[in-house]
Amino acid sequence: MPAKLDFHLTIERAAGLTLDATCAARAAGQGPLPAQHRRLLRSALRKLEGAQQDLYEARNNPWSSQPPPTLQLELL
């Protein structure tokens, strides 16, 4: 069970980081850029968005019929 939880948490973190990278790359592309840099940035954005979609799909694809457990804080 811990392997499943670790997998889902790690994939969730990676997907969030790709989202952050996509937002940062979009912000960098708002300024004036040479044509070559603009092309490279557009290509990188497409790849980041594809990777983000793949990671979210991996996170949502269950290993078994049971969903991954959610973590909750509890008072001791």
Protein backbone atom coordinates (compact mmCIF):
# COMPACT_ATOMS: atom_id res chain seq x y z
CA MET A 1 0.00 0.00 0.00
CA PRO A 2 2.77 2.55 0.74
CA ALA A 3 4.19 2.05 -2.77
CA LYS A 4 0.87 3.08 -4.31
CA LEU A 5 0.57 6.12 -2.09
CA ASP A 6 4.18 7.14 -2.76
CA PHE A 7 3.61 6.71 -6.49
CA HIS A 8 0.46 8.83 -6.51
CA LEU A 9 1.98 11.56 -4.34
CA THR A 10 5.16 11.68 -6.43
CA ILE A 11 3.24 11.81 -9.71
CA GLU A 12 0.99 14.54 -8.29
CA ARG A 13 4.08 16.56 -7.34
CA ALA A 14 5.67 16.06 -10.77
CA ALA A 15 2.45 17.12 -12.50
CA GLY A 16 2.29 20.24 -10.36
CA LEU A 17 5.90 21.08 -11.19
CA THR A 18 5.21 20.76 -14.92
CA LEU A 19 2.26 23.11 -14.45
CA ASP A 20 4.57 25.61 -12.72
CA ALA A 21 7.14 25.25 -15.51
CA THR A 22 4.47 25.78 -18.16
CA CYS A 23 3.24 28.96 -16.45
CA ALA A 24 6.80 30.27 -16.11
CA ALA A 25 7.58 29.52 -19.75
CA ARG A 26 4.39 31.29 -20.87
CA ALA A 27 5.34 34.32 -18.79
CA ALA A 28 8.83 34.34 -20.32
CA GLY A 29 7.31 34.30 -23.79
CA GLN A 30 5.27 37.46 -23.22
CA GLY A 31 8.22 39.76 -23.79
CA PRO A 32 9.93 40.54 -27.07
CA LEU A 33 11.94 37.51 -28.22
CA PRO A 34 13.96 36.69 -31.33
CA ALA A 35 12.08 34.39 -33.72
CA GLN A 36 14.32 31.40 -32.98
CA HIS A 37 13.76 31.71 -29.23
CA ARG A 38 10.00 32.08 -29.74
CA ARG A 39 9.97 28.84 -31.79
CA LEU A 40 12.00 27.01 -29.14
CA LEU A 41 9.69 28.28 -26.41
CA ARG A 42 6.55 27.18 -28.29
CA SER A 43 8.08 23.74 -28.80
CA ALA A 44 8.98 23.47 -25.11
CA LEU A 45 5.47 24.53 -24.10
CA ARG A 46 3.90 21.82 -26.25
CA LYS A 47 6.19 19.21 -24.69
CA LEU A 48 5.51 20.46 -21.16
CA GLU A 49 1.75 20.39 -21.72
CA GLY A 50 2.00 16.86 -23.12
CA ALA A 51 4.09 15.70 -20.17
CA GLN A 52 1.66 17.33 -17.76
CA GLN A 53 -1.28 15.54 -19.38
CA ASP A 54 0.56 12.20 -19.27
CA LEU A 55 1.37 12.64 -15.58
CA TYR A 56 -2.21 13.52 -14.67
CA GLU A 57 -3.40 10.50 -16.64
CA ALA A 58 -0.93 8.26 -14.78
CA ARG A 59 -2.13 9.68 -11.49
CA ASN A 60 -5.80 9.09 -12.33
CA ASN A 61 -5.30 5.60 -13.75
CA PRO A 62 -5.87 3.29 -10.76
CA TRP A 63 -3.63 0.32 -10.04
CA SER A 64 -6.53 -1.65 -8.67
CA SER A 65 -10.21 -1.22 -7.96
CA GLN A 66 -9.42 0.72 -4.79
CA PRO A 67 -8.59 4.44 -5.06
CA PRO A 68 -5.40 5.63 -3.36
CA PRO A 69 -5.96 6.61 0.28
CA THR A 70 -6.07 10.27 1.18
CA LEU A 71 -3.82 11.60 3.87
CA GLN A 72 -5.45 13.34 6.79
CA LEU A 73 -3.98 15.10 9.76
CA GLU A 74 -5.18 13.82 13.09
CA LEU A 75 -4.89 15.20 16.55
CA LEU A 76 -3.00 13.05 19.02
